[in-house]
Amino acid sequence: MNKKNKRGPESEEPFGAESVNKEVAEAANETKNAEAETDSVVDNAKGAASGAEAVSEADSAEDADDMDIVALAQSKMEEYKDTLQRVQAEFDNYRKRNAEAVKQARAEGVNETILQMLPVLDTVEIAIGMINDEATKAGVELIRKKFAEVFSHYGVEEIEAEGAEFDPALHNAVMQVEDAENSGKVVEVLRKGYRRNGKVIRYAMVKVAN
């Protein structure tokens, strides 16, 4: 007699329950995997955003550094430019002062040389007045004319004195005579005076009437 296996009511399972449970478990597992992948994507996105922000901050810092360097370079350039302008101005002033000093020194040197030559000219003029021989006098006169040419070349001119009003800026009165008609005038030149380019290099030595 064949016997059939029997189960109690508590051990019986609905048809296909095991398959359903398996599918549910797989679905739950897939859901967890999907959530994990989503979390990973989110984390990656956050990391990328954080990295981008860091790069942006780094770029900003680098740009700020570049701006600081440019500002410093411009500041130094202006400083060097001001220094160069000051040095150039000082050099121009020095050059002008030096040129003026050289000019004055040269003028003083010429004046001193002429001053040393004037006594020679005085002697030549005295000799002309003392020589009786006309040929000799003419020869000495040529010497006087040569002096006059050289002096004229250097701007030297004789100071007008005889018959002129006495001028202490031009004349040196060493003698006085009573002459009411010519009072205040130079009546005799004892030694000629000269000036060069408006500057007296030797005063005229004169006799003045009172």
N, C-alpha and C. Protein backbone atom coordinates (compact mmCIF):
# COMPACT_ATOMS: atom_id res chain seq x y z
N MET A 1 0.86 -1.16 0.00
CA MET A 1 0.00 0.00 0.00
C MET A 1 0.90 1.21 0.00
N ASN A 2 0.66 2.07 -1.00
CA ASN A 2 1.49 3.28 -1.12
C ASN A 2 1.04 4.33 -0.13
N LYS A 3 2.06 4.96 0.47
CA LYS A 3 1.76 6.03 1.41
C LYS A 3 2.21 7.39 0.85
N LYS A 4 1.35 8.35 1.03
CA LYS A 4 1.66 9.70 0.61
C LYS A 4 2.21 10.48 1.79
N ASN A 5 3.25 11.31 1.47
CA ASN A 5 3.83 12.19 2.50
C ASN A 5 2.86 13.30 2.80
N LYS A 6 2.67 13.58 4.04
CA LYS A 6 1.75 14.63 4.47
C LYS A 6 2.48 15.62 5.38
N ARG A 7 2.11 16.82 5.31
CA ARG A 7 2.69 17.87 6.16
C ARG A 7 1.60 18.47 7.01
N GLY A 8 2.04 19.03 8.11
CA GLY A 8 1.06 19.68 8.97
C GLY A 8 0.74 21.06 8.45
N PRO A 9 -0.33 21.63 8.92
CA PRO A 9 -0.73 22.95 8.45
C PRO A 9 0.33 24.00 8.70
N GLU A 10 1.12 23.84 9.81
CA GLU A 10 2.11 24.87 10.11
C GLU A 10 3.30 24.81 9.20
N SER A 11 3.47 23.67 8.50
CA SER A 11 4.66 23.54 7.66
C SER A 11 4.35 23.79 6.21
N GLU A 12 3.13 24.08 5.92
CA GLU A 12 2.78 24.29 4.53
C GLU A 12 3.12 25.73 4.11
N GLU A 13 3.66 26.02 2.93
CA GLU A 13 4.00 27.35 2.39
C GLU A 13 3.15 27.60 1.15
N PRO A 14 2.75 28.81 0.93
CA PRO A 14 1.96 29.10 -0.26
C PRO A 14 2.77 28.78 -1.50
N PHE A 15 2.07 28.57 -2.54
CA PHE A 15 2.70 28.20 -3.80
C PHE A 15 3.59 29.34 -4.30
N GLY A 16 4.87 29.07 -4.55
CA GLY A 16 5.83 30.07 -5.09
C GLY A 16 6.36 31.05 -4.07
N ALA A 17 6.19 30.91 -2.82
CA ALA A 17 6.66 31.85 -1.79
C ALA A 17 8.17 31.97 -1.77
N GLU A 18 8.80 30.82 -1.93
CA GLU A 18 10.29 30.82 -1.92
C GLU A 18 10.84 31.66 -3.05
N SER A 19 10.20 31.55 -4.23
CA SER A 19 10.65 32.33 -5.39
C SER A 19 10.43 33.80 -5.18
N VAL A 20 9.26 34.12 -4.54
CA VAL A 20 8.95 35.53 -4.29
C VAL A 20 9.94 36.13 -3.30
N ASN A 21 10.24 35.37 -2.26
CA ASN A 21 11.19 35.86 -1.26
C ASN A 21 12.56 36.12 -1.87
N LYS A 22 12.93 35.26 -2.78
CA LYS A 22 14.23 35.41 -3.44
C LYS A 22 14.26 36.67 -4.28
N GLU A 23 13.14 36.89 -5.00
CA GLU A 23 13.07 38.09 -5.83
C GLU A 23 13.09 39.36 -4.98
N VAL A 24 12.35 39.27 -3.85
CA VAL A 24 12.33 40.42 -2.96
C VAL A 24 13.73 40.72 -2.42
N ALA A 25 14.44 39.63 -2.07
CA ALA A 25 15.80 39.81 -1.56
C ALA A 25 16.72 40.40 -2.62
N GLU A 26 16.60 39.91 -3.85
CA GLU A 26 17.42 40.43 -4.94
C GLU A 26 17.10 41.90 -5.20
N ALA A 27 15.77 42.18 -5.17
CA ALA A 27 15.37 43.58 -5.40
C ALA A 27 15.92 44.48 -4.32
N ALA A 28 15.85 43.98 -3.06
CA ALA A 28 16.39 44.78 -1.95
C ALA A 28 17.90 44.99 -2.12
N ASN A 29 18.55 43.90 -2.55
CA ASN A 29 20.01 43.99 -2.76
C ASN A 29 20.34 44.99 -3.86
N GLU A 30 19.55 44.92 -4.96
CA GLU A 30 19.77 45.87 -6.05
C GLU A 30 19.52 47.30 -5.59
N THR A 31 18.48 47.45 -4.76
CA THR A 31 18.18 48.79 -4.23
C THR A 31 19.34 49.31 -3.41
N LYS A 32 19.92 48.44 -2.56
CA LYS A 32 21.08 48.86 -1.77
C LYS A 32 22.26 49.23 -2.66
N ASN A 33 22.45 48.39 -3.72
CA ASN A 33 23.54 48.68 -4.65
C ASN A 33 23.33 50.03 -5.36
N ALA A 34 22.07 50.25 -5.74
CA ALA A 34 21.74 51.51 -6.42
C ALA A 34 21.98 52.69 -5.49
N GLU A 35 21.55 52.50 -4.21
CA GLU A 35 21.77 53.58 -3.24
C GLU A 35 23.25 53.83 -3.02
N ALA A 36 24.01 52.70 -2.98
CA ALA A 36 25.46 52.84 -2.80
C ALA A 36 26.09 53.58 -3.98
N GLU A 37 25.64 53.20 -5.20
CA GLU A 37 26.17 53.88 -6.39
C GLU A 37 25.78 55.35 -6.38
N THR A 38 24.51 55.61 -5.96
CA THR A 38 24.06 57.01 -5.89
C THR A 38 24.89 57.80 -4.90
N ASP A 39 25.12 57.17 -3.73
CA ASP A 39 25.96 57.84 -2.73
C ASP A 39 27.36 58.11 -3.27
N SER A 40 27.87 57.11 -4.04
CA SER A 40 29.21 57.26 -4.61
C SER A 40 29.25 58.41 -5.61
N VAL A 41 28.18 58.46 -6.45
CA VAL A 41 28.11 59.55 -7.43
C VAL A 41 28.04 60.90 -6.74
N VAL A 42 27.20 60.97 -5.68
CA VAL A 42 27.06 62.20 -4.92
C VAL A 42 28.40 62.60 -4.29
N ASP A 43 29.06 61.59 -3.68
CA ASP A 43 30.37 61.87 -3.07
C ASP A 43 31.36 62.36 -4.11
N ASN A 44 31.35 61.68 -5.29
CA ASN A 44 32.26 62.11 -6.36
C ASN A 44 31.96 63.54 -6.81
N ALA A 45 30.64 63.82 -6.92
CA ALA A 45 30.23 65.16 -7.33
C ALA A 45 30.68 66.18 -6.31
N LYS A 46 30.47 65.83 -5.00
CA LYS A 46 30.92 66.75 -3.95
C LYS A 46 32.43 66.94 -4.00
N GLY A 47 33.15 65.83 -4.22
CA GLY A 47 34.61 65.92 -4.30
C GLY A 47 35.05 66.78 -5.47
N ALA A 48 34.35 66.59 -6.62
CA ALA A 48 34.69 67.40 -7.79
C ALA A 48 34.42 68.87 -7.54
N ALA A 49 33.25 69.13 -6.89
CA ALA A 49 32.91 70.52 -6.59
C ALA A 49 33.92 71.13 -5.63
N SER A 50 34.30 70.30 -4.62
CA SER A 50 35.29 70.79 -3.66
C SER A 50 36.62 71.05 -4.35
N GLY A 51 37.00 70.11 -5.24
CA GLY A 51 38.25 70.30 -5.98
C GLY A 51 38.20 71.53 -6.87
N ALA A 52 37.04 71.72 -7.54
CA ALA A 52 36.89 72.89 -8.40
C ALA A 52 36.97 74.17 -7.59
N GLU A 53 36.35 74.13 -6.40
CA GLU A 53 36.41 75.31 -5.53
C GLU A 53 37.83 75.58 -5.09
N ALA A 54 38.56 74.50 -4.75
CA ALA A 54 39.95 74.66 -4.33
C ALA A 54 40.79 75.22 -5.46
N VAL A 55 40.55 74.68 -6.69
CA VAL A 55 41.29 75.18 -7.86
C VAL A 55 40.96 76.65 -8.09
N SER A 56 39.65 76.98 -7.94
CA SER A 56 39.23 78.36 -8.12
C SER A 56 39.90 79.27 -7.10
N GLU A 57 39.95 78.80 -5.84
CA GLU A 57 40.61 79.59 -4.82
C GLU A 57 42.10 79.72 -5.11
N ALA A 58 42.69 78.61 -5.58
CA ALA A 58 44.11 78.66 -5.92
C ALA A 58 44.36 79.63 -7.07
N ASP A 59 43.44 79.55 -8.09
CA ASP A 59 43.58 80.48 -9.21
C ASP A 59 43.42 81.93 -8.75
N SER A 60 42.43 82.12 -7.85
CA SER A 60 42.22 83.47 -7.33
C SER A 60 43.44 83.96 -6.57
N ALA A 61 44.01 83.04 -5.76
CA ALA A 61 45.22 83.41 -5.01
C ALA A 61 46.37 83.71 -5.96
N GLU A 62 46.47 82.88 -7.01
CA GLU A 62 47.54 83.10 -7.99
C GLU A 62 47.33 84.41 -8.73
N ASP A 63 46.04 84.69 -9.09
CA ASP A 63 45.75 85.96 -9.74
C ASP A 63 46.08 87.13 -8.82
N ALA A 64 45.74 86.99 -7.53
CA ALA A 64 46.05 88.03 -6.56
C ALA A 64 47.56 88.25 -6.46
N ASP A 65 48.30 87.12 -6.44
CA ASP A 65 49.77 87.23 -6.40
C ASP A 65 50.29 87.95 -7.64
N ASP A 66 49.71 87.57 -8.80
CA ASP A 66 50.13 88.22 -10.05
C ASP A 66 49.84 89.72 -10.00
N MET A 67 48.65 90.07 -9.47
CA MET A 67 48.31 91.48 -9.38
C MET A 67 49.25 92.21 -8.44
N ASP A 68 49.62 91.56 -7.33
CA ASP A 68 50.57 92.17 -6.39
C ASP A 68 51.92 92.39 -7.06
N ILE A 69 52.36 91.42 -7.85
CA ILE A 69 53.65 91.54 -8.53
C ILE A 69 53.62 92.68 -9.54
N VAL A 70 52.51 92.78 -10.29
CA VAL A 70 52.38 93.86 -11.27
C VAL A 70 52.36 95.22 -10.58
N ALA A 71 51.60 95.30 -9.46
CA ALA A 71 51.53 96.57 -8.72
C ALA A 71 52.91 96.96 -8.18
N LEU A 72 53.65 95.96 -7.68
CA LEU A 72 54.99 96.22 -7.15
C LEU A 72 55.92 96.69 -8.27
N ALA A 73 55.80 96.02 -9.43
CA ALA A 73 56.64 96.40 -10.57
C ALA A 73 56.33 97.82 -11.02
N GLN A 74 55.05 98.17 -11.07
CA GLN A 74 54.67 99.53 -11.46
C GLN A 74 55.18 100.55 -10.45
N SER A 75 55.07 100.21 -9.15
CA SER A 75 55.56 101.11 -8.12
C SER A 75 57.06 101.33 -8.26
N LYS A 76 57.82 100.24 -8.47
CA LYS A 76 59.26 100.36 -8.64
C LYS A 76 59.60 101.17 -9.89
N MET A 77 58.81 100.95 -10.95
CA MET A 77 59.05 101.68 -12.19
C MET A 77 58.88 103.18 -11.97
N GLU A 78 57.81 103.57 -11.26
CA GLU A 78 57.59 104.98 -10.97
C GLU A 78 58.71 105.54 -10.09
N GLU A 79 59.15 104.72 -9.12
CA GLU A 79 60.23 105.15 -8.24
C GLU A 79 61.51 105.39 -9.02
N TYR A 80 61.86 104.43 -9.90
CA TYR A 80 63.06 104.58 -10.71
C TYR A 80 62.93 105.76 -11.68
N LYS A 81 61.70 105.96 -12.20
CA LYS A 81 61.48 107.08 -13.12
C LYS A 81 61.69 108.40 -12.41
N ASP A 82 61.14 108.52 -11.20
CA ASP A 82 61.33 109.76 -10.41
C ASP A 82 62.81 109.97 -10.10
N THR A 83 63.50 108.88 -9.73
CA THR A 83 64.93 108.99 -9.42
C THR A 83 65.72 109.44 -10.65
N LEU A 84 65.39 108.85 -11.80
CA LEU A 84 66.06 109.22 -13.04
C LEU A 84 65.82 110.68 -13.39
N GLN A 85 64.58 111.13 -13.21
CA GLN A 85 64.28 112.53 -13.51
C GLN A 85 65.03 113.47 -12.59
N ARG A 86 65.11 113.10 -11.30
CA ARG A 86 65.86 113.94 -10.36
C ARG A 86 67.34 113.99 -10.71
N VAL A 87 67.90 112.81 -11.03
CA VAL A 87 69.32 112.75 -11.38
C VAL A 87 69.58 113.55 -12.65
N GLN A 88 68.67 113.43 -13.63
CA GLN A 88 68.84 114.17 -14.87
C GLN A 88 68.76 115.67 -14.63
N ALA A 89 67.80 116.09 -13.78
CA ALA A 89 67.67 117.52 -13.46
C ALA A 89 68.91 118.03 -12.74
N GLU A 90 69.40 117.23 -11.78
CA GLU A 90 70.61 117.62 -11.05
C GLU A 90 71.81 117.70 -11.99
N PHE A 91 71.89 116.74 -12.93
CA PHE A 91 73.00 116.76 -13.88
C PHE A 91 72.92 117.97 -14.80
N ASP A 92 71.69 118.30 -15.24
CA ASP A 92 71.51 119.48 -16.09
C ASP A 92 71.93 120.75 -15.34
N ASN A 93 71.52 120.83 -14.06
CA ASN A 93 71.91 121.99 -13.26
C ASN A 93 73.42 122.04 -13.08
N TYR A 94 74.02 120.87 -12.83
CA TYR A 94 75.49 120.81 -12.68
C TYR A 94 76.17 121.23 -13.99
N ARG A 95 75.64 120.73 -15.11
CA ARG A 95 76.24 121.07 -16.40
C ARG A 95 76.15 122.57 -16.67
N LYS A 96 74.99 123.16 -16.33
CA LYS A 96 74.83 124.61 -16.54
C LYS A 96 75.76 125.39 -15.62
N ARG A 97 75.83 124.95 -14.34
CA ARG A 97 76.72 125.65 -13.41
C ARG A 97 78.16 125.52 -13.85
N ASN A 98 78.54 124.33 -14.30
CA ASN A 98 79.91 124.11 -14.74
C ASN A 98 80.23 124.94 -15.98
N ALA A 99 79.27 124.99 -16.92
CA ALA A 99 79.49 125.79 -18.13
C ALA A 99 79.62 127.26 -17.78
N GLU A 100 78.78 127.73 -16.84
CA GLU A 100 78.86 129.13 -16.42
C GLU A 100 80.18 129.41 -15.70
N ALA A 101 80.61 128.44 -14.86
CA ALA A 101 81.88 128.62 -14.15
C ALA A 101 83.05 128.67 -15.13
N VAL A 102 83.01 127.81 -16.14
CA VAL A 102 84.07 127.80 -17.16
C VAL A 102 84.08 129.12 -17.93
N LYS A 103 82.86 129.60 -18.26
CA LYS A 103 82.75 130.87 -18.98
C LYS A 103 83.32 132.02 -18.16
N GLN A 104 82.96 132.05 -16.87
CA GLN A 104 83.46 133.12 -16.01
C GLN A 104 84.97 133.03 -15.82
N ALA A 105 85.46 131.80 -15.66
CA ALA A 105 86.91 131.61 -15.48
C ALA A 105 87.67 132.07 -16.72
N ARG A 106 87.11 131.73 -17.89
CA ARG A 106 87.75 132.15 -19.13
C ARG A 106 87.74 133.68 -19.25
N ALA A 107 86.59 134.28 -18.91
CA ALA A 107 86.50 135.74 -18.98
C ALA A 107 87.49 136.39 -18.02
N GLU A 108 87.59 135.85 -16.81
CA GLU A 108 88.52 136.41 -15.84
C GLU A 108 89.96 136.25 -16.31
N GLY A 109 90.23 135.09 -16.95
CA GLY A 109 91.58 134.87 -17.47
C GLY A 109 91.94 135.87 -18.55
N VAL A 110 90.98 136.12 -19.48
CA VAL A 110 91.22 137.11 -20.54
C VAL A 110 91.41 138.50 -19.94
N ASN A 111 90.55 138.84 -18.97
CA ASN A 111 90.67 140.17 -18.32
C ASN A 111 92.03 140.34 -17.66
N GLU A 112 92.48 139.30 -16.98
CA GLU A 112 93.77 139.37 -16.29
C GLU A 112 94.91 139.53 -17.30
N THR A 113 94.81 138.81 -18.42
CA THR A 113 95.86 138.92 -19.44
C THR A 113 95.90 140.33 -20.03
N ILE A 114 94.71 140.87 -20.33
CA ILE A 114 94.65 142.22 -20.88
C ILE A 114 95.17 143.24 -19.87
N LEU A 115 94.81 143.02 -18.61
CA LEU A 115 95.27 143.93 -17.56
C LEU A 115 96.80 143.95 -17.49
N GLN A 116 97.43 142.80 -17.73
CA GLN A 116 98.89 142.74 -17.71
C GLN A 116 99.50 143.39 -18.96
N MET A 117 98.72 143.46 -20.06
CA MET A 117 99.23 144.05 -21.30
C MET A 117 99.06 145.56 -21.35
N LEU A 118 98.15 146.08 -20.55
CA LEU A 118 97.87 147.53 -20.60
C LEU A 118 99.09 148.40 -20.29
N PRO A 119 99.93 148.05 -19.30
CA PRO A 119 101.13 148.88 -19.07
C PRO A 119 102.05 148.94 -20.29
N VAL A 120 102.07 147.83 -21.07
CA VAL A 120 102.89 147.84 -22.28
C VAL A 120 102.32 148.84 -23.28
N LEU A 121 100.97 148.83 -23.41
CA LEU A 121 100.33 149.78 -24.32
C LEU A 121 100.57 151.21 -23.84
N ASP A 122 100.54 151.41 -22.51
CA ASP A 122 100.81 152.76 -21.97
C ASP A 122 102.21 153.22 -22.39
N THR A 123 103.14 152.30 -22.29
CA THR A 123 104.53 152.64 -22.64
C THR A 123 104.65 152.97 -24.12
N VAL A 124 103.96 152.19 -24.96
CA VAL A 124 104.00 152.44 -26.41
C VAL A 124 103.43 153.83 -26.72
N GLU A 125 102.33 154.20 -26.07
CA GLU A 125 101.70 155.51 -26.33
C GLU A 125 102.59 156.65 -25.83
N ILE A 126 103.25 156.42 -24.72
CA ILE A 126 104.19 157.44 -24.23
C ILE A 126 105.36 157.60 -25.20
N ALA A 127 105.81 156.47 -25.73
CA ALA A 127 106.93 156.52 -26.69
C ALA A 127 106.54 157.27 -27.95
N ILE A 128 105.32 157.07 -28.41
CA ILE A 128 104.85 157.78 -29.62
C ILE A 128 104.90 159.29 -29.39
N GLY A 129 104.55 159.72 -28.19
CA GLY A 129 104.57 161.16 -27.90
C GLY A 129 105.97 161.72 -27.76
N MET A 130 106.94 160.87 -27.55
CA MET A 130 108.31 161.34 -27.34
C MET A 130 109.18 161.22 -28.57
N ILE A 131 108.78 160.43 -29.56
CA ILE A 131 109.60 160.20 -30.75
C ILE A 131 109.41 161.35 -31.74
N ASN A 132 110.54 161.89 -32.18
CA ASN A 132 110.51 162.99 -33.14
C ASN A 132 110.62 162.50 -34.58
N ASP A 133 111.30 161.40 -34.77
CA ASP A 133 111.48 160.87 -36.12
C ASP A 133 110.15 160.28 -36.59
N GLU A 134 109.66 160.80 -37.69
CA GLU A 134 108.34 160.41 -38.17
C GLU A 134 108.29 158.94 -38.59
N ALA A 135 109.36 158.45 -39.20
CA ALA A 135 109.39 157.04 -39.65
C ALA A 135 109.34 156.12 -38.44
N THR A 136 110.13 156.49 -37.43
CA THR A 136 110.14 155.67 -36.21
C THR A 136 108.78 155.75 -35.52
N LYS A 137 108.24 156.95 -35.48
CA LYS A 137 106.93 157.13 -34.84
C LYS A 137 105.86 156.30 -35.56
N ALA A 138 105.94 156.27 -36.90
CA ALA A 138 104.96 155.48 -37.68
C ALA A 138 105.07 154.00 -37.36
N GLY A 139 106.31 153.53 -37.19
CA GLY A 139 106.51 152.11 -36.86
C GLY A 139 105.92 151.77 -35.50
N VAL A 140 106.17 152.66 -34.52
CA VAL A 140 105.63 152.42 -33.17
C VAL A 140 104.11 152.54 -33.19
N GLU A 141 103.59 153.43 -34.05
CA GLU A 141 102.13 153.58 -34.18
C GLU A 141 101.49 152.29 -34.68
N LEU A 142 102.19 151.58 -35.55
CA LEU A 142 101.67 150.28 -36.03
C LEU A 142 101.53 149.29 -34.87
N ILE A 143 102.49 149.37 -33.94
CA ILE A 143 102.40 148.49 -32.76
C ILE A 143 101.17 148.84 -31.94
N ARG A 144 100.93 150.15 -31.77
CA ARG A 144 99.75 150.58 -31.00
C ARG A 144 98.46 150.11 -31.69
N LYS A 145 98.41 150.22 -33.02
CA LYS A 145 97.23 149.79 -33.76
C LYS A 145 96.99 148.28 -33.61
N LYS A 146 98.09 147.53 -33.57
CA LYS A 146 97.96 146.08 -33.40
C LYS A 146 97.38 145.76 -32.03
N PHE A 147 97.81 146.50 -31.01
CA PHE A 147 97.21 146.34 -29.68
C PHE A 147 95.70 146.62 -29.75
N ALA A 148 95.35 147.71 -30.45
CA ALA A 148 93.95 148.12 -30.55
C ALA A 148 93.12 147.03 -31.24
N GLU A 149 93.67 146.40 -32.27
CA GLU A 149 92.96 145.34 -32.98
C GLU A 149 92.72 144.13 -32.08
N VAL A 150 93.76 143.77 -31.33
CA VAL A 150 93.62 142.61 -30.43
C VAL A 150 92.60 142.91 -29.33
N PHE A 151 92.69 144.10 -28.78
CA PHE A 151 91.75 144.46 -27.71
C PHE A 151 90.32 144.51 -28.24
N SER A 152 90.15 145.06 -29.44
CA SER A 152 88.82 145.12 -30.03
C SER A 152 88.24 143.72 -30.27
N HIS A 153 89.12 142.79 -30.66
CA HIS A 153 88.68 141.41 -30.89
C HIS A 153 88.12 140.79 -29.61
N TYR A 154 88.67 141.17 -28.46
CA TYR A 154 88.22 140.64 -27.18
C TYR A 154 87.23 141.56 -26.47
N GLY A 155 86.67 142.53 -27.20
CA GLY A 155 85.63 143.38 -26.63
C GLY A 155 86.13 144.44 -25.68
N VAL A 156 87.41 144.80 -25.79
CA VAL A 156 87.98 145.82 -24.90
C VAL A 156 87.82 147.19 -25.55
N GLU A 157 87.36 148.16 -24.77
CA GLU A 157 87.21 149.52 -25.28
C GLU A 157 87.73 150.52 -24.25
N GLU A 158 88.19 151.65 -24.76
CA GLU A 158 88.71 152.70 -23.88
C GLU A 158 87.54 153.44 -23.22
N ILE A 159 87.71 153.77 -21.96
CA ILE A 159 86.68 154.50 -21.22
C ILE A 159 86.82 156.00 -21.55
N GLU A 160 85.71 156.61 -21.96
CA GLU A 160 85.72 158.03 -22.25
C GLU A 160 85.90 158.80 -20.95
N ALA A 161 86.81 159.72 -20.96
CA ALA A 161 87.09 160.42 -19.71
C ALA A 161 87.23 161.93 -19.88
N GLU A 162 88.18 162.37 -20.66
CA GLU A 162 88.47 163.81 -20.75
C GLU A 162 87.26 164.58 -21.27
N GLY A 163 86.85 165.55 -20.47
CA GLY A 163 85.70 166.38 -20.83
C GLY A 163 84.37 165.79 -20.40
N ALA A 164 84.38 164.55 -19.92
CA ALA A 164 83.13 163.91 -19.49
C ALA A 164 82.85 164.20 -18.03
N GLU A 165 81.59 164.06 -17.64
CA GLU A 165 81.24 164.21 -16.24
C GLU A 165 81.92 163.11 -15.43
N PHE A 166 82.41 163.50 -14.26
CA PHE A 166 83.09 162.51 -13.42
C PHE A 166 82.11 161.42 -12.99
N ASP A 167 82.51 160.17 -13.20
CA ASP A 167 81.68 159.01 -12.84
C ASP A 167 82.54 158.07 -12.00
N PRO A 168 82.24 157.95 -10.70
CA PRO A 168 83.07 157.09 -9.85
C PRO A 168 83.03 155.62 -10.24
N ALA A 169 82.02 155.23 -11.05
CA ALA A 169 81.96 153.85 -11.51
C ALA A 169 82.95 153.59 -12.64
N LEU A 170 83.49 154.71 -13.23
CA LEU A 170 84.42 154.57 -14.35
C LEU A 170 85.76 155.27 -14.11
N HIS A 171 85.73 156.30 -13.29
CA HIS A 171 86.91 157.15 -13.11
C HIS A 171 87.44 157.07 -11.69
N ASN A 172 88.75 157.21 -11.60
CA ASN A 172 89.42 157.28 -10.31
C ASN A 172 90.10 158.63 -10.20
N ALA A 173 89.48 159.53 -9.40
CA ALA A 173 90.01 160.90 -9.28
C ALA A 173 91.18 160.92 -8.30
N VAL A 174 92.36 161.27 -8.81
CA VAL A 174 93.55 161.32 -7.96
C VAL A 174 94.01 162.76 -7.73
N MET A 175 93.43 163.69 -8.52
CA MET A 175 93.80 165.10 -8.37
C MET A 175 92.57 165.96 -8.61
N GLN A 176 92.55 167.13 -7.98
CA GLN A 176 91.47 168.09 -8.17
C GLN A 176 92.06 169.47 -8.44
N VAL A 177 91.35 170.22 -9.27
CA VAL A 177 91.78 171.59 -9.58
C VAL A 177 90.58 172.51 -9.47
N GLU A 178 90.83 173.75 -9.17
CA GLU A 178 89.76 174.74 -9.08
C GLU A 178 89.43 175.23 -10.49
N ASP A 179 88.24 174.92 -10.91
CA ASP A 179 87.80 175.35 -12.24
C ASP A 179 86.28 175.38 -12.22
N ALA A 180 85.74 176.54 -11.86
CA ALA A 180 84.29 176.66 -11.70
C ALA A 180 83.55 176.40 -13.00
N GLU A 181 84.19 176.77 -14.12
CA GLU A 181 83.52 176.59 -15.42
C GLU A 181 83.32 175.12 -15.76
N ASN A 182 84.28 174.27 -15.39
CA ASN A 182 84.21 172.83 -15.69
C ASN A 182 83.98 171.98 -14.44
N SER A 183 83.36 172.57 -13.45
CA SER A 183 83.16 171.87 -12.18
C SER A 183 82.44 170.53 -12.37
N GLY A 184 83.04 169.52 -11.77
CA GLY A 184 82.44 168.18 -11.85
C GLY A 184 82.84 167.40 -13.07
N LYS A 185 83.72 167.98 -13.89
CA LYS A 185 84.15 167.30 -15.12
C LYS A 185 85.61 166.88 -15.02
N VAL A 186 85.95 165.90 -15.85
CA VAL A 186 87.34 165.45 -15.94
C VAL A 186 88.08 166.41 -16.86
N VAL A 187 89.13 167.01 -16.32
CA VAL A 187 89.87 168.00 -17.11
C VAL A 187 91.17 167.41 -17.68
N GLU A 188 91.60 166.29 -17.14
CA GLU A 188 92.82 165.66 -17.66
C GLU A 188 92.83 164.17 -17.33
N VAL A 189 93.30 163.37 -18.29
CA VAL A 189 93.43 161.92 -18.08
C VAL A 189 94.89 161.61 -17.81
N LEU A 190 95.16 161.11 -16.64
CA LEU A 190 96.53 160.78 -16.27
C LEU A 190 96.91 159.37 -16.72
N ARG A 191 95.92 158.49 -16.76
CA ARG A 191 96.13 157.13 -17.29
C ARG A 191 94.80 156.62 -17.82
N LYS A 192 94.83 156.12 -19.02
CA LYS A 192 93.59 155.67 -19.66
C LYS A 192 92.97 154.48 -18.90
N GLY A 193 91.65 154.44 -18.95
CA GLY A 193 90.93 153.30 -18.37
C GLY A 193 90.28 152.46 -19.47
N TYR A 194 90.03 151.21 -19.16
CA TYR A 194 89.45 150.29 -20.15
C TYR A 194 88.39 149.41 -19.50
N ARG A 195 87.45 149.00 -20.31
CA ARG A 195 86.44 148.03 -19.87
C ARG A 195 86.23 146.99 -20.96
N ARG A 196 85.78 145.85 -20.53
CA ARG A 196 85.56 144.74 -21.47
C ARG A 196 84.16 144.17 -21.27
N ASN A 197 83.39 144.20 -22.35
CA ASN A 197 82.00 143.70 -22.30
C ASN A 197 81.21 144.35 -21.16
N GLY A 198 81.43 145.66 -21.01
CA GLY A 198 80.70 146.41 -20.00
C GLY A 198 81.30 146.37 -18.61
N LYS A 199 82.33 145.56 -18.38
CA LYS A 199 82.94 145.45 -17.06
C LYS A 199 84.28 146.19 -17.05
N VAL A 200 84.45 147.06 -16.06
CA VAL A 200 85.69 147.82 -15.95
C VAL A 200 86.83 146.89 -15.54
N ILE A 201 87.90 146.92 -16.34
CA ILE A 201 89.08 146.13 -15.97
C ILE A 201 90.21 147.04 -15.46
N ARG A 202 90.10 148.35 -15.78
CA ARG A 202 91.02 149.34 -15.19
C ARG A 202 90.34 150.70 -15.24
N TYR A 203 90.22 151.31 -14.05
CA TYR A 203 89.60 152.64 -13.98
C TYR A 203 90.50 153.69 -14.60
N ALA A 204 89.88 154.70 -15.19
CA ALA A 204 90.65 155.82 -15.74
C ALA A 204 91.13 156.70 -14.59
N MET A 205 92.42 156.95 -14.58
CA MET A 205 92.99 157.82 -13.55
C MET A 205 92.92 159.26 -14.04
N VAL A 206 92.18 160.11 -13.32
CA VAL A 206 91.87 161.42 -13.87
C VAL A 206 92.07 162.57 -12.88
N LYS A 207 92.05 163.79 -13.45
CA LYS A 207 92.08 165.03 -12.66
C LYS A 207 90.69 165.69 -12.85
N VAL A 208 90.08 166.05 -11.73
CA VAL A 208 88.71 166.55 -11.77
C VAL A 208 88.68 168.00 -11.32
N ALA A 209 87.82 168.79 -11.99
CA ALA A 209 87.67 170.21 -11.63
C ALA A 209 86.58 170.36 -10.58
N ASN A 210 86.85 171.29 -9.63
CA ASN A 210 85.86 171.62 -8.60
C ASN A 210 85.05 172.85 -9.03
